[in-house]
Structures are given as structure tokens and as C-alpha cells.
Amino acid sequence: MITYGKGMEAKALKKQGWSIAAIARHLNRDRKTIRAYLNDNREPGNRKKPQNNDIFIKYEPYIRSRFTYWFGYFCLNLLPLIEKLTK
């Protein structure tokens, strides 16, 4: 990601005839990043959204059910202990 100001600077340098590699070196960014901003594939100041291919989503219902089960079990066993300690 580059800031809005850096994006404007990159566009100004491109209009002056700088190469993408030179702009990337000047701004300390990768050539592909600069090219994406110059081609308007990305907007300065906005991060690229991550794709939702997280493996956790696949197992979310199972994990939620297990968490609910164990949390309930833990609470049921903890209540008698709390009662003993408070007496």
C-alpha cells in the first residue's frame, strides 16, 4: 500500500517521463505495486482486501459446537467449587 501523497507523486513522476523502476526505487516500493497504482488497479491509501480463503471458516461450526460444549462442562464443574470456596 502507498499513501495518497505517494500515489500522487508517482503519477507526477510518470508524467515527467520517469520509468516505473525509477519511481519504485525513489518511493522504496516494488515495481508491481507502482504499476498497479499507475494503471488505476488500486487506490492510494486503501489496502488490498484479503481473500476469504481462510481454512478456519470451513471448521467454524464444529469449533463453535465444541467450544460451547466444553465451556458448559467447565461452568457446571466450576460452580460447586465456587460454592465451597465462598462458604
C-alpha atoms as a PDB file:
ATOM      1  CA  MET A   1       0.000   0.000   0.000  1.00  0.00           C
ATOM      2  CA  ILE A   2       1.122   3.518  -0.656  1.00  0.00           C
ATOM      3  CA  THR A   3      -0.310   6.698   0.783  1.00  0.00           C
ATOM      4  CA  TYR A   4      -2.378   9.116  -1.216  1.00  0.00           C
ATOM      5  CA  GLY A   5       0.537  11.563  -1.348  1.00  0.00           C
ATOM      6  CA  LYS A   6       2.953   8.911  -2.611  1.00  0.00           C
ATOM      7  CA  GLY A   7       0.395   7.878  -5.224  1.00  0.00           C
ATOM      8  CA  MET A   8       0.118  11.440  -6.466  1.00  0.00           C
ATOM      9  CA  GLU A   9       3.915  11.730  -6.505  1.00  0.00           C
ATOM     10  CA  ALA A  10       4.183   8.511  -8.526  1.00  0.00           C
ATOM     11  CA  LYS A  11       1.697   9.825 -11.096  1.00  0.00           C
ATOM     12  CA  ALA A  12       3.541  13.152 -11.315  1.00  0.00           C
ATOM     13  CA  LEU A  13       6.884  11.395 -11.802  1.00  0.00           C
ATOM     14  CA  LYS A  14       5.363   9.191 -14.519  1.00  0.00           C
ATOM     15  CA  LYS A  15       4.123  12.317 -16.333  1.00  0.00           C
ATOM     16  CA  GLN A  16       7.673  13.692 -16.155  1.00  0.00           C
ATOM     17  CA  GLY A  17       8.864  10.598 -18.001  1.00  0.00           C
ATOM     18  CA  TRP A  18      10.300   8.534 -15.157  1.00  0.00           C
ATOM     19  CA  SER A  19      10.284   4.775 -15.627  1.00  0.00           C
ATOM     20  CA  ILE A  20       8.284   2.552 -13.297  1.00  0.00           C
ATOM     21  CA  ALA A  21      11.514   1.050 -11.972  1.00  0.00           C
ATOM     22  CA  ALA A  22      12.905   4.508 -11.180  1.00  0.00           C
ATOM     23  CA  ILE A  23       9.695   5.550  -9.438  1.00  0.00           C
ATOM     24  CA  ALA A  24       9.707   2.315  -7.423  1.00  0.00           C
ATOM     25  CA  ARG A  25      13.301   2.899  -6.325  1.00  0.00           C
ATOM     26  CA  HIS A  26      12.534   6.513  -5.437  1.00  0.00           C
ATOM     27  CA  LEU A  27       9.473   5.576  -3.350  1.00  0.00           C
ATOM     28  CA  ASN A  28      11.013   2.369  -1.920  1.00  0.00           C
ATOM     29  CA  ARG A  29       8.208   0.202  -3.274  1.00  0.00           C
ATOM     30  CA  ASP A  30       8.008  -2.809  -5.562  1.00  0.00           C
ATOM     31  CA  ARG A  31       7.624  -2.208  -9.316  1.00  0.00           C
ATOM     32  CA  LYS A  32       4.425  -4.245  -9.417  1.00  0.00           C
ATOM     33  CA  THR A  33       2.907  -2.093  -6.678  1.00  0.00           C
ATOM     34  CA  ILE A  34       3.736   1.129  -8.514  1.00  0.00           C
ATOM     35  CA  ARG A  35       2.434  -0.291 -11.797  1.00  0.00           C
ATOM     36  CA  ALA A  36      -0.860  -1.267 -10.141  1.00  0.00           C
ATOM     37  CA  TYR A  37      -1.355   2.261  -8.812  1.00  0.00           C
ATOM     38  CA  LEU A  38      -0.397   3.905 -12.085  1.00  0.00           C
ATOM     39  CA  ASN A  39      -2.807   1.675 -14.022  1.00  0.00           C
ATOM     40  CA  ASP A  40      -5.566   2.540 -11.518  1.00  0.00           C
ATOM     41  CA  ASN A  41      -5.892  -1.087 -10.432  1.00  0.00           C
ATOM     42  CA  ARG A  42      -5.521   0.089  -6.828  1.00  0.00           C
ATOM     43  CA  GLU A  43      -6.352   3.269  -4.965  1.00  0.00           C
ATOM     44  CA  PRO A  44      -3.706   5.036  -2.862  1.00  0.00           C
ATOM     45  CA  GLY A  45      -4.433   4.897   0.850  1.00  0.00           C
ATOM     46  CA  ASN A  46      -6.541   1.730   0.649  1.00  0.00           C
ATOM     47  CA  ARG A  47      -5.140  -1.669   1.451  1.00  0.00           C
ATOM     48  CA  LYS A  48      -5.784  -4.607  -0.817  1.00  0.00           C
ATOM     49  CA  LYS A  49      -8.607  -6.636   0.715  1.00  0.00           C
ATOM     50  CA  PRO A  50      -7.578 -10.140   1.808  1.00  0.00           C
ATOM     51  CA  GLN A  51      -9.380 -13.006   0.152  1.00  0.00           C
ATOM     52  CA  ASN A  52     -11.659 -15.122   2.298  1.00  0.00           C
ATOM     53  CA  ASN A  53      -9.969 -18.453   1.745  1.00  0.00           C
ATOM     54  CA  ASP A  54      -9.257 -18.956   5.431  1.00  0.00           C
ATOM     55  CA  ILE A  55      -9.226 -22.622   6.392  1.00  0.00           C
ATOM     56  CA  PHE A  56     -10.790 -21.801   9.773  1.00  0.00           C
ATOM     57  CA  ILE A  57     -14.107 -20.829   8.141  1.00  0.00           C
ATOM     58  CA  LYS A  58     -14.526 -24.396   6.929  1.00  0.00           C
ATOM     59  CA  TYR A  59     -14.408 -25.748  10.509  1.00  0.00           C
ATOM     60  CA  GLU A  60     -16.183 -22.877  12.273  1.00  0.00           C
ATOM     61  CA  PRO A  61     -19.462 -24.725  13.048  1.00  0.00           C
ATOM     62  CA  TYR A  62     -17.570 -27.669  14.569  1.00  0.00           C
ATOM     63  CA  ILE A  63     -15.294 -25.445  16.644  1.00  0.00           C
ATOM     64  CA  ARG A  64     -18.244 -23.405  17.893  1.00  0.00           C
ATOM     65  CA  SER A  65     -20.095 -26.554  18.962  1.00  0.00           C
ATOM     66  CA  ARG A  66     -17.031 -27.933  20.758  1.00  0.00           C
ATOM     67  CA  PHE A  67     -16.371 -24.631  22.486  1.00  0.00           C
ATOM     68  CA  THR A  68     -19.986 -24.421  23.649  1.00  0.00           C
ATOM     69  CA  TYR A  69     -19.838 -27.997  24.962  1.00  0.00           C
ATOM     70  CA  TRP A  70     -16.570 -27.566  26.862  1.00  0.00           C
ATOM     71  CA  PHE A  71     -17.483 -24.144  28.176  1.00  0.00           C
ATOM     72  CA  GLY A  72     -20.753 -25.521  29.539  1.00  0.00           C
ATOM     73  CA  TYR A  73     -18.938 -28.512  31.071  1.00  0.00           C
ATOM     74  CA  PHE A  74     -16.368 -26.227  32.663  1.00  0.00           C
ATOM     75  CA  CYS A  75     -19.030 -23.950  34.161  1.00  0.00           C
ATOM     76  CA  LEU A  76     -21.028 -26.858  35.584  1.00  0.00           C
ATOM     77  CA  ASN A  77     -17.960 -28.278  37.310  1.00  0.00           C
ATOM     78  CA  LEU A  78     -16.766 -24.891  38.478  1.00  0.00           C
ATOM     79  CA  LEU A  79     -19.983 -23.884  40.268  1.00  0.00           C
ATOM     80  CA  PRO A  80     -19.689 -26.446  43.118  1.00  0.00           C
ATOM     81  CA  LEU A  81     -16.069 -25.411  43.648  1.00  0.00           C
ATOM     82  CA  ILE A  82     -17.038 -21.742  43.868  1.00  0.00           C
ATOM     83  CA  GLU A  83     -19.802 -22.593  46.360  1.00  0.00           C
ATOM     84  CA  LYS A  84     -17.292 -24.493  48.553  1.00  0.00           C
ATOM     85  CA  LEU A  85     -14.809 -21.630  48.463  1.00  0.00           C
ATOM     86  CA  THR A  86     -17.368 -18.960  49.329  1.00  0.00           C
ATOM     87  CA  LYS A  87     -18.726 -20.824  52.410  1.00  0.00           C
END
